[in-house]
Amino acid sequence: MDDASISQRFDYPNEQSKDLFNAVLDLESIEDCERFFRDLCTMQELKEMTERWEIAKMIWQGCPYRVITEKTGASSTTIARVAHWVTYGEGGYQKACKQHAQE
């Protein structure tokens, strides 16, 4: 199922998604986040999200797709999809990458 068909059935953002994000922002430590996300997500979902974040950071740093594939094992399709959102998305990846680079 693609993003377009999901978005036709899921109004986003909504009050429930905002409540979820506020819950994440209320957490006080990495350990709290680890426990919350483990309770919230399947291991496969966690793997996919962390893989996408690693890919986004590497794209932000200008790494070639080949290098990203070698380091992450991600498919070129996944890398291209993340690259699209880094470049043309809502700005979330860009803001997070900028802030993460400053740490």
PDB file of N, CA and C in Angstrom:
ATOM      1  N   MET A   1       0.844  -1.175   0.000  1.00  0.00           N
ATOM      2  CA  MET A   1       0.000   0.000   0.000  1.00  0.00           C
ATOM      3  C   MET A   1       0.893   1.242   0.000  1.00  0.00           C
ATOM      4  N   ASP A   2       0.631   2.181  -0.890  1.00  0.00           N
ATOM      5  CA  ASP A   2       1.469   3.372  -0.986  1.00  0.00           C
ATOM      6  C   ASP A   2       0.936   4.501  -0.098  1.00  0.00           C
ATOM      7  N   ASP A   3       1.776   5.542   0.040  1.00  0.00           N
ATOM      8  CA  ASP A   3       1.422   6.668   0.908  1.00  0.00           C
ATOM      9  C   ASP A   3       0.121   7.334   0.481  1.00  0.00           C
ATOM     10  N   ALA A   4      -0.124   7.426  -0.828  1.00  0.00           N
ATOM     11  CA  ALA A   4      -1.330   8.102  -1.315  1.00  0.00           C
ATOM     12  C   ALA A   4      -2.587   7.372  -0.869  1.00  0.00           C
ATOM     13  N   SER A   5      -2.614   6.042  -0.970  1.00  0.00           N
ATOM     14  CA  SER A   5      -3.818   5.310  -0.578  1.00  0.00           C
ATOM     15  C   SER A   5      -4.002   5.321   0.929  1.00  0.00           C
ATOM     16  N   ILE A   6      -2.913   5.306   1.690  1.00  0.00           N
ATOM     17  CA  ILE A   6      -3.022   5.389   3.144  1.00  0.00           C
ATOM     18  C   ILE A   6      -3.541   6.757   3.552  1.00  0.00           C
ATOM     19  N   SER A   7      -3.001   7.824   2.930  1.00  0.00           N
ATOM     20  CA  SER A   7      -3.409   9.179   3.324  1.00  0.00           C
ATOM     21  C   SER A   7      -4.868   9.457   2.981  1.00  0.00           C
ATOM     22  N   GLN A   8      -5.427   8.730   2.031  1.00  0.00           N
ATOM     23  CA  GLN A   8      -6.841   8.907   1.715  1.00  0.00           C
ATOM     24  C   GLN A   8      -7.725   8.391   2.842  1.00  0.00           C
ATOM     25  N   ARG A   9      -7.202   7.457   3.635  1.00  0.00           N
ATOM     26  CA  ARG A   9      -7.989   6.887   4.723  1.00  0.00           C
ATOM     27  C   ARG A   9      -7.573   7.405   6.095  1.00  0.00           C
ATOM     28  N   PHE A  10      -6.451   8.122   6.181  1.00  0.00           N
ATOM     29  CA  PHE A  10      -5.894   8.546   7.472  1.00  0.00           C
ATOM     30  C   PHE A  10      -5.645  10.039   7.433  1.00  0.00           C
ATOM     31  N   ASP A  11      -6.444  10.764   8.187  1.00  0.00           N
ATOM     32  CA  ASP A  11      -6.294  12.214   8.263  1.00  0.00           C
ATOM     33  C   ASP A  11      -5.079  12.521   9.136  1.00  0.00           C
ATOM     34  N   TYR A  12      -4.061  13.109   8.544  1.00  0.00           N
ATOM     35  CA  TYR A  12      -2.805  13.356   9.264  1.00  0.00           C
ATOM     36  C   TYR A  12      -2.314  14.751   8.975  1.00  0.00           C
ATOM     37  N   PRO A  13      -1.852  15.467   9.969  1.00  0.00           N
ATOM     38  CA  PRO A  13      -1.869  15.128  11.391  1.00  0.00           C
ATOM     39  C   PRO A  13      -3.278  15.255  11.958  1.00  0.00           C
ATOM     40  N   ASN A  14      -3.474  14.574  13.072  1.00  0.00           N
ATOM     41  CA  ASN A  14      -4.758  14.635  13.759  1.00  0.00           C
ATOM     42  C   ASN A  14      -4.505  14.706  15.267  1.00  0.00           C
ATOM     43  N   GLU A  15      -5.560  14.768  16.044  1.00  0.00           N
ATOM     44  CA  GLU A  15      -5.398  14.906  17.498  1.00  0.00           C
ATOM     45  C   GLU A  15      -4.646  13.721  18.099  1.00  0.00           C
ATOM     46  N   GLN A  16      -4.914  12.515  17.584  1.00  0.00           N
ATOM     47  CA  GLN A  16      -4.245  11.337  18.119  1.00  0.00           C
ATOM     48  C   GLN A  16      -2.746  11.344  17.804  1.00  0.00           C
ATOM     49  N   SER A  17      -2.386  11.752  16.590  1.00  0.00           N
ATOM     50  CA  SER A  17      -0.955  11.788  16.246  1.00  0.00           C
ATOM     51  C   SER A  17      -0.252  12.888  17.046  1.00  0.00           C
ATOM     52  N   LYS A  18      -0.911  14.009  17.238  1.00  0.00           N
ATOM     53  CA  LYS A  18      -0.320  15.081  18.047  1.00  0.00           C
ATOM     54  C   LYS A  18      -0.138  14.623  19.492  1.00  0.00           C
ATOM     55  N   ASP A  19      -1.094  13.866  20.007  1.00  0.00           N
ATOM     56  CA  ASP A  19      -0.977  13.335  21.357  1.00  0.00           C
ATOM     57  C   ASP A  19       0.208  12.366  21.455  1.00  0.00           C
ATOM     58  N   LEU A  20       0.382  11.531  20.452  1.00  0.00           N
ATOM     59  CA  LEU A  20       1.534  10.613  20.413  1.00  0.00           C
ATOM     60  C   LEU A  20       2.839  11.390  20.432  1.00  0.00           C
ATOM     61  N   PHE A  21       2.955  12.398  19.596  1.00  0.00           N
ATOM     62  CA  PHE A  21       4.199  13.172  19.520  1.00  0.00           C
ATOM     63  C   PHE A  21       4.463  13.928  20.817  1.00  0.00           C
ATOM     64  N   ASN A  22       3.412  14.425  21.453  1.00  0.00           N
ATOM     65  CA  ASN A  22       3.589  15.069  22.760  1.00  0.00           C
ATOM     66  C   ASN A  22       4.070  14.073  23.805  1.00  0.00           C
ATOM     67  N   ALA A  23       3.582  12.839  23.729  1.00  0.00           N
ATOM     68  CA  ALA A  23       4.046  11.809  24.658  1.00  0.00           C
ATOM     69  C   ALA A  23       5.540  11.551  24.469  1.00  0.00           C
ATOM     70  N   VAL A  24       5.987  11.516  23.220  1.00  0.00           N
ATOM     71  CA  VAL A  24       7.421  11.321  22.947  1.00  0.00           C
ATOM     72  C   VAL A  24       8.221  12.505  23.492  1.00  0.00           C
ATOM     73  N   LEU A  25       7.750  13.706  23.249  1.00  0.00           N
ATOM     74  CA  LEU A  25       8.460  14.890  23.734  1.00  0.00           C
ATOM     75  C   LEU A  25       8.515  14.952  25.261  1.00  0.00           C
ATOM     76  N   ASP A  26       7.553  14.324  25.923  1.00  0.00           N
ATOM     77  CA  ASP A  26       7.537  14.315  27.390  1.00  0.00           C
ATOM     78  C   ASP A  26       8.546  13.338  27.998  1.00  0.00           C
ATOM     79  N   LEU A  27       9.052  12.409  27.208  1.00  0.00           N
ATOM     80  CA  LEU A  27      10.013  11.434  27.725  1.00  0.00           C
ATOM     81  C   LEU A  27      11.315  12.142  28.075  1.00  0.00           C
ATOM     82  N   GLU A  28      11.989  11.663  29.097  1.00  0.00           N
ATOM     83  CA  GLU A  28      13.133  12.389  29.637  1.00  0.00           C
ATOM     84  C   GLU A  28      14.491  11.813  29.295  1.00  0.00           C
ATOM     85  N   SER A  29      14.538  10.613  28.733  1.00  0.00           N
ATOM     86  CA  SER A  29      15.847  10.011  28.473  1.00  0.00           C
ATOM     87  C   SER A  29      15.785   9.082  27.265  1.00  0.00           C
ATOM     88  N   ILE A  30      16.964   8.731  26.773  1.00  0.00           N
ATOM     89  CA  ILE A  30      17.062   7.750  25.689  1.00  0.00           C
ATOM     90  C   ILE A  30      16.434   6.432  26.140  1.00  0.00           C
ATOM     91  N   GLU A  31      16.698   6.043  27.377  1.00  0.00           N
ATOM     92  CA  GLU A  31      16.156   4.787  27.900  1.00  0.00           C
ATOM     93  C   GLU A  31      14.625   4.815  27.910  1.00  0.00           C
ATOM     94  N   ASP A  32      14.046   5.960  28.288  1.00  0.00           N
ATOM     95  CA  ASP A  32      12.589   6.100  28.251  1.00  0.00           C
ATOM     96  C   ASP A  32      12.076   5.929  26.826  1.00  0.00           C
ATOM     97  N   CYS A  33      12.774   6.543  25.873  1.00  0.00           N
ATOM     98  CA  CYS A  33      12.386   6.420  24.463  1.00  0.00           C
ATOM     99  C   CYS A  33      12.512   4.981  23.981  1.00  0.00           C
ATOM    100  N   GLU A  34      13.605   4.324  24.355  1.00  0.00           N
ATOM    101  CA  GLU A  34      13.790   2.926  23.959  1.00  0.00           C
ATOM    102  C   GLU A  34      12.628   2.065  24.439  1.00  0.00           C
ATOM    103  N   ARG A  35      12.246   2.225  25.695  1.00  0.00           N
ATOM    104  CA  ARG A  35      11.149   1.431  26.255  1.00  0.00           C
ATOM    105  C   ARG A  35       9.811   1.781  25.587  1.00  0.00           C
ATOM    106  N   PHE A  36       9.572   3.074  25.400  1.00  0.00           N
ATOM    107  CA  PHE A  36       8.305   3.496  24.788  1.00  0.00           C
ATOM    108  C   PHE A  36       8.182   2.960  23.368  1.00  0.00           C
ATOM    109  N   PHE A  37       9.227   3.151  22.554  1.00  0.00           N
ATOM    110  CA  PHE A  37       9.155   2.699  21.170  1.00  0.00           C
ATOM    111  C   PHE A  37       9.106   1.178  21.064  1.00  0.00           C
ATOM    112  N   ARG A  38       9.757   0.474  21.988  1.00  0.00           N
ATOM    113  CA  ARG A  38       9.687  -0.985  21.970  1.00  0.00           C
ATOM    114  C   ARG A  38       8.280  -1.452  22.295  1.00  0.00           C
ATOM    115  N   ASP A  39       7.616  -0.762  23.211  1.00  0.00           N
ATOM    116  CA  ASP A  39       6.227  -1.104  23.521  1.00  0.00           C
ATOM    117  C   ASP A  39       5.290  -0.737  22.370  1.00  0.00           C
ATOM    118  N   LEU A  40       5.584   0.355  21.701  1.00  0.00           N
ATOM    119  CA  LEU A  40       4.710   0.881  20.646  1.00  0.00           C
ATOM    120  C   LEU A  40       4.860   0.134  19.321  1.00  0.00           C
ATOM    121  N   CYS A  41       6.082  -0.260  18.972  1.00  0.00           N
ATOM    122  CA  CYS A  41       6.382  -0.783  17.642  1.00  0.00           C
ATOM    123  C   CYS A  41       6.822  -2.237  17.670  1.00  0.00           C
ATOM    124  N   THR A  42       6.640  -2.912  16.548  1.00  0.00           N
ATOM    125  CA  THR A  42       7.220  -4.241  16.393  1.00  0.00           C
ATOM    126  C   THR A  42       8.717  -4.082  16.146  1.00  0.00           C
ATOM    127  N   MET A  43       9.459  -5.147  16.304  1.00  0.00           N
ATOM    128  CA  MET A  43      10.897  -5.093  16.019  1.00  0.00           C
ATOM    129  C   MET A  43      11.133  -4.721  14.552  1.00  0.00           C
ATOM    130  N   GLN A  44      10.303  -5.217  13.653  1.00  0.00           N
ATOM    131  CA  GLN A  44      10.450  -4.890  12.230  1.00  0.00           C
ATOM    132  C   GLN A  44      10.226  -3.394  11.996  1.00  0.00           C
ATOM    133  N   GLU A  45       9.225  -2.816  12.644  1.00  0.00           N
ATOM    134  CA  GLU A  45       8.977  -1.377  12.504  1.00  0.00           C
ATOM    135  C   GLU A  45      10.155  -0.570  13.037  1.00  0.00           C
ATOM    136  N   LEU A  46      10.697  -0.973  14.187  1.00  0.00           N
ATOM    137  CA  LEU A  46      11.864  -0.289  14.742  1.00  0.00           C
ATOM    138  C   LEU A  46      13.057  -0.397  13.799  1.00  0.00           C
ATOM    139  N   LYS A  47      13.275  -1.576  13.246  1.00  0.00           N
ATOM    140  CA  LYS A  47      14.377  -1.785  12.301  1.00  0.00           C
ATOM    141  C   LYS A  47      14.212  -0.868  11.095  1.00  0.00           C
ATOM    142  N   GLU A  48      13.012  -0.805  10.548  1.00  0.00           N
ATOM    143  CA  GLU A  48      12.763   0.027   9.363  1.00  0.00           C
ATOM    144  C   GLU A  48      12.947   1.510   9.671  1.00  0.00           C
ATOM    145  N   MET A  49      12.465   1.962  10.819  1.00  0.00           N
ATOM    146  CA  MET A  49      12.617   3.380  11.168  1.00  0.00           C
ATOM    147  C   MET A  49      14.079   3.742  11.397  1.00  0.00           C
ATOM    148  N   THR A  50      14.804   2.882  12.102  1.00  0.00           N
ATOM    149  CA  THR A  50      16.216   3.196  12.346  1.00  0.00           C
ATOM    150  C   THR A  50      17.023   3.131  11.062  1.00  0.00           C
ATOM    151  N   GLU A  51      16.675   2.201  10.175  1.00  0.00           N
ATOM    152  CA  GLU A  51      17.352   2.133   8.877  1.00  0.00           C
ATOM    153  C   GLU A  51      17.100   3.414   8.077  1.00  0.00           C
ATOM    154  N   ARG A  52      15.848   3.867   8.048  1.00  0.00           N
ATOM    155  CA  ARG A  52      15.522   5.100   7.317  1.00  0.00           C
ATOM    156  C   ARG A  52      16.267   6.294   7.889  1.00  0.00           C
ATOM    157  N   TRP A  53      16.390   6.363   9.211  1.00  0.00           N
ATOM    158  CA  TRP A  53      17.103   7.475   9.831  1.00  0.00           C
ATOM    159  C   TRP A  53      18.580   7.433   9.455  1.00  0.00           C
ATOM    160  N   GLU A  54      19.193   6.261   9.475  1.00  0.00           N
ATOM    161  CA  GLU A  54      20.598   6.132   9.066  1.00  0.00           C
ATOM    162  C   GLU A  54      20.776   6.566   7.616  1.00  0.00           C
ATOM    163  N   ILE A  55      19.869   6.148   6.762  1.00  0.00           N
ATOM    164  CA  ILE A  55      19.926   6.520   5.349  1.00  0.00           C
ATOM    165  C   ILE A  55      19.773   8.033   5.197  1.00  0.00           C
ATOM    166  N   ALA A  56      18.821   8.616   5.900  1.00  0.00           N
ATOM    167  CA  ALA A  56      18.588  10.065   5.806  1.00  0.00           C
ATOM    168  C   ALA A  56      19.835  10.847   6.199  1.00  0.00           C
ATOM    169  N   LYS A  57      20.485  10.435   7.290  1.00  0.00           N
ATOM    170  CA  LYS A  57      21.707  11.134   7.714  1.00  0.00           C
ATOM    171  C   LYS A  57      22.795  11.020   6.652  1.00  0.00           C
ATOM    172  N   MET A  58      22.926   9.854   6.052  1.00  0.00           N
ATOM    173  CA  MET A  58      23.964   9.665   5.040  1.00  0.00           C
ATOM    174  C   MET A  58      23.653  10.478   3.779  1.00  0.00           C
ATOM    175  N   ILE A  59      22.389  10.524   3.387  1.00  0.00           N
ATOM    176  CA  ILE A  59      21.991  11.351   2.240  1.00  0.00           C
ATOM    177  C   ILE A  59      22.285  12.811   2.540  1.00  0.00           C
ATOM    178  N   TRP A  60      21.940  13.248   3.744  1.00  0.00           N
ATOM    179  CA  TRP A  60      22.185  14.627   4.166  1.00  0.00           C
ATOM    180  C   TRP A  60      23.667  14.970   4.058  1.00  0.00           C
ATOM    181  N   GLN A  61      24.522  13.991   4.374  1.00  0.00           N
ATOM    182  CA  GLN A  61      25.970  14.195   4.324  1.00  0.00           C
ATOM    183  C   GLN A  61      26.532  14.068   2.910  1.00  0.00           C
ATOM    184  N   GLY A  62      25.668  13.730   1.939  1.00  0.00           N
ATOM    185  CA  GLY A  62      26.093  13.638   0.553  1.00  0.00           C
ATOM    186  C   GLY A  62      26.695  12.312   0.147  1.00  0.00           C
ATOM    187  N   CYS A  63      26.457  11.271   0.917  1.00  0.00           N
ATOM    188  CA  CYS A  63      27.003   9.950   0.572  1.00  0.00           C
ATOM    189  C   CYS A  63      26.346   9.414  -0.702  1.00  0.00           C
ATOM    190  N   PRO A  64      27.126   8.809  -1.562  1.00  0.00           N
ATOM    191  CA  PRO A  64      26.548   8.167  -2.752  1.00  0.00           C
ATOM    192  C   PRO A  64      25.680   6.970  -2.359  1.00  0.00           C
ATOM    193  N   TYR A  65      24.672   6.675  -3.172  1.00  0.00           N
ATOM    194  CA  TYR A  65      23.773   5.558  -2.892  1.00  0.00           C
ATOM    195  C   TYR A  65      24.547   4.256  -2.705  1.00  0.00           C
ATOM    196  N   ARG A  66      25.574   4.047  -3.518  1.00  0.00           N
ATOM    197  CA  ARG A  66      26.360   2.811  -3.440  1.00  0.00           C
ATOM    198  C   ARG A  66      26.960   2.641  -2.054  1.00  0.00           C
ATOM    199  N   VAL A  67      27.495   3.719  -1.503  1.00  0.00           N
ATOM    200  CA  VAL A  67      28.089   3.676  -0.159  1.00  0.00           C
ATOM    201  C   VAL A  67      27.007   3.409   0.887  1.00  0.00           C
ATOM    202  N   ILE A  68      25.856   4.035   0.716  1.00  0.00           N
ATOM    203  CA  ILE A  68      24.753   3.828   1.655  1.00  0.00           C
ATOM    204  C   ILE A  68      24.318   2.362   1.625  1.00  0.00           C
ATOM    205  N   THR A  69      24.211   1.786   0.430  1.00  0.00           N
ATOM    206  CA  THR A  69      23.847   0.371   0.303  1.00  0.00           C
ATOM    207  C   THR A  69      24.872  -0.517   0.987  1.00  0.00           C
ATOM    208  N   GLU A  70      26.151  -0.226   0.764  1.00  0.00           N
ATOM    209  CA  GLU A  70      27.213  -1.032   1.375  1.00  0.00           C
ATOM    210  C   GLU A  70      27.171  -0.951   2.899  1.00  0.00           C
ATOM    211  N   LYS A  71      26.941   0.232   3.440  1.00  0.00           N
ATOM    212  CA  LYS A  71      26.975   0.410   4.897  1.00  0.00           C
ATOM    213  C   LYS A  71      25.703  -0.039   5.598  1.00  0.00           C
ATOM    214  N   THR A  72      24.553   0.082   4.927  1.00  0.00           N
ATOM    215  CA  THR A  72      23.284  -0.229   5.594  1.00  0.00           C
ATOM    216  C   THR A  72      22.648  -1.533   5.113  1.00  0.00           C
ATOM    217  N   GLY A  73      22.989  -1.957   3.908  1.00  0.00           N
ATOM    218  CA  GLY A  73      22.324  -3.125   3.334  1.00  0.00           C
ATOM    219  C   GLY A  73      20.959  -2.795   2.749  1.00  0.00           C
ATOM    220  N   ALA A  74      20.594  -1.527   2.749  1.00  0.00           N
ATOM    221  CA  ALA A  74      19.286  -1.109   2.230  1.00  0.00           C
ATOM    222  C   ALA A  74      19.256  -1.213   0.712  1.00  0.00           C
ATOM    223  N   SER A  75      18.077  -1.455   0.192  1.00  0.00           N
ATOM    224  CA  SER A  75      17.912  -1.526  -1.262  1.00  0.00           C
ATOM    225  C   SER A  75      17.968  -0.126  -1.863  1.00  0.00           C
ATOM    226  N   SER A  76      18.265  -0.077  -3.148  1.00  0.00           N
ATOM    227  CA  SER A  76      18.299   1.222  -3.833  1.00  0.00           C
ATOM    228  C   SER A  76      16.915   1.862  -3.842  1.00  0.00           C
ATOM    229  N   THR A  77      15.867   1.056  -3.845  1.00  0.00           N
ATOM    230  CA  THR A  77      14.499   1.583  -3.792  1.00  0.00           C
ATOM    231  C   THR A  77      14.247   2.294  -2.469  1.00  0.00           C
ATOM    232  N   THR A  78      14.657   1.674  -1.366  1.00  0.00           N
ATOM    233  CA  THR A  78      14.483   2.299  -0.045  1.00  0.00           C
ATOM    234  C   THR A  78      15.283   3.587   0.039  1.00  0.00           C
ATOM    235  N   ILE A  79      16.513   3.551  -0.449  1.00  0.00           N
ATOM    236  CA  ILE A  79      17.371   4.742  -0.413  1.00  0.00           C
ATOM    237  C   ILE A  79      16.748   5.867  -1.234  1.00  0.00           C
ATOM    238  N   ALA A  80      16.260   5.546  -2.422  1.00  0.00           N
ATOM    239  CA  ALA A  80      15.632   6.563  -3.271  1.00  0.00           C
ATOM    240  C   ALA A  80      14.386   7.139  -2.609  1.00  0.00           C
ATOM    241  N   ARG A  81      13.620   6.291  -1.945  1.00  0.00           N
ATOM    242  CA  ARG A  81      12.402   6.751  -1.260  1.00  0.00           C
ATOM    243  C   ARG A  81      12.755   7.713  -0.127  1.00  0.00           C
ATOM    244  N   VAL A  82      13.761   7.354   0.664  1.00  0.00           N
ATOM    245  CA  VAL A  82      14.182   8.241   1.755  1.00  0.00           C
ATOM    246  C   VAL A  82      14.755   9.533   1.179  1.00  0.00           C
ATOM    247  N   ALA A  83      15.557   9.420   0.136  1.00  0.00           N
ATOM    248  CA  ALA A  83      16.152  10.609  -0.488  1.00  0.00           C
ATOM    249  C   ALA A  83      15.061  11.569  -0.977  1.00  0.00           C
ATOM    250  N   HIS A  84      13.996  11.010  -1.518  1.00  0.00           N
ATOM    251  CA  HIS A  84      12.883  11.849  -1.967  1.00  0.00           C
ATOM    252  C   HIS A  84      12.325  12.662  -0.797  1.00  0.00           C
ATOM    253  N   TRP A  85      12.112  12.008   0.360  1.00  0.00           N
ATOM    254  CA  TRP A  85      11.544  12.697   1.515  1.00  0.00           C
ATOM    255  C   TRP A  85      12.534  13.662   2.136  1.00  0.00           C
ATOM    256  N   VAL A  86      13.819  13.344   2.085  1.00  0.00           N
ATOM    257  CA  VAL A  86      14.825  14.288   2.580  1.00  0.00           C
ATOM    258  C   VAL A  86      14.782  15.558   1.743  1.00  0.00           C
ATOM    259  N   THR A  87      14.621  15.403   0.448  1.00  0.00           N
ATOM    260  CA  THR A  87      14.659  16.541  -0.470  1.00  0.00           C
ATOM    261  C   THR A  87      13.314  17.251  -0.613  1.00  0.00           C
ATOM    262  N   TYR A  88      12.234  16.488  -0.728  1.00  0.00           N
ATOM    263  CA  TYR A  88      10.932  17.073  -1.074  1.00  0.00           C
ATOM    264  C   TYR A  88       9.862  16.888   0.003  1.00  0.00           C
ATOM    265  N   GLY A  89      10.238  16.391   1.162  1.00  0.00           N
ATOM    266  CA  GLY A  89       9.259  16.100   2.209  1.00  0.00           C
ATOM    267  C   GLY A  89       8.793  17.333   2.951  1.00  0.00           C
ATOM    268  N   GLU A  90       8.339  17.125   4.143  1.00  0.00           N
ATOM    269  CA  GLU A  90       7.793  18.189   4.982  1.00  0.00           C
ATOM    270  C   GLU A  90       8.868  18.990   5.704  1.00  0.00           C
ATOM    271  N   GLY A  91      10.127  18.607   5.555  1.00  0.00           N
ATOM    272  CA  GLY A  91      11.227  19.301   6.221  1.00  0.00           C
ATOM    273  C   GLY A  91      11.657  18.660   7.531  1.00  0.00           C
ATOM    274  N   GLY A  92      10.992  17.591   7.907  1.00  0.00           N
ATOM    275  CA  GLY A  92      11.320  16.920   9.157  1.00  0.00           C
ATOM    276  C   GLY A  92      12.704  16.284   9.156  1.00  0.00           C
ATOM    277  N   TYR A  93      13.015  15.559   8.093  1.00  0.00           N
ATOM    278  CA  TYR A  93      14.355  14.974   7.990  1.00  0.00           C
ATOM    279  C   TYR A  93      15.404  16.081   7.995  1.00  0.00           C
ATOM    280  N   GLN A  94      15.164  17.137   7.223  1.00  0.00           N
ATOM    281  CA  GLN A  94      16.147  18.214   7.133  1.00  0.00           C
ATOM    282  C   GLN A  94      16.407  18.848   8.496  1.00  0.00           C
ATOM    283  N   LYS A  95      15.355  19.149   9.218  1.00  0.00           N
ATOM    284  CA  LYS A  95      15.519  19.771  10.535  1.00  0.00           C
ATOM    285  C   LYS A  95      16.243  18.823  11.485  1.00  0.00           C
ATOM    286  N   ALA A  96      15.832  17.561  11.495  1.00  0.00           N
ATOM    287  CA  ALA A  96      16.457  16.595  12.392  1.00  0.00           C
ATOM    288  C   ALA A  96      17.928  16.384  12.032  1.00  0.00           C
ATOM    289  N   CYS A  97      18.248  16.318  10.754  1.00  0.00           N
ATOM    290  CA  CYS A  97      19.640  16.135  10.329  1.00  0.00           C
ATOM    291  C   CYS A  97      20.478  17.346  10.725  1.00  0.00           C
ATOM    292  N   LYS A  98      19.947  18.538  10.525  1.00  0.00           N
ATOM    293  CA  LYS A  98      20.674  19.750  10.930  1.00  0.00           C
ATOM    294  C   LYS A  98      20.943  19.752  12.424  1.00  0.00           C
ATOM    295  N   GLN A  99      19.925  19.471  13.219  1.00  0.00           N
ATOM    296  CA  GLN A  99      20.086  19.484  14.667  1.00  0.00           C
ATOM    297  C   GLN A  99      21.026  18.375  15.130  1.00  0.00           C
ATOM    298  N   HIS A 100      20.902  17.206  14.519  1.00  0.00           N
ATOM    299  CA  HIS A 100      21.759  16.074  14.896  1.00  0.00           C
ATOM    300  C   HIS A 100      23.219  16.367  14.563  1.00  0.00           C
ATOM    301  N   ALA A 101      23.457  17.032  13.441  1.00  0.00           N
ATOM    302  CA  ALA A 101      24.829  17.369  13.025  1.00  0.00           C
ATOM    303  C   ALA A 101      25.471  18.360  13.992  1.00  0.00           C
ATOM    304  N   GLN A 102      24.664  19.179  14.663  1.00  0.00           N
ATOM    305  CA  GLN A 102      25.196  20.178  15.600  1.00  0.00           C
ATOM    306  C   GLN A 102      25.532  19.591  16.961  1.00  0.00           C
ATOM    307  N   GLU A 103      25.079  18.381  17.229  1.00  0.00           N
ATOM    308  CA  GLU A 103      25.322  17.752  18.536  1.00  0.00           C
ATOM    309  C   GLU A 103      26.731  17.209  18.627  1.00  0.00           C
TER     310      GLU A 103
END
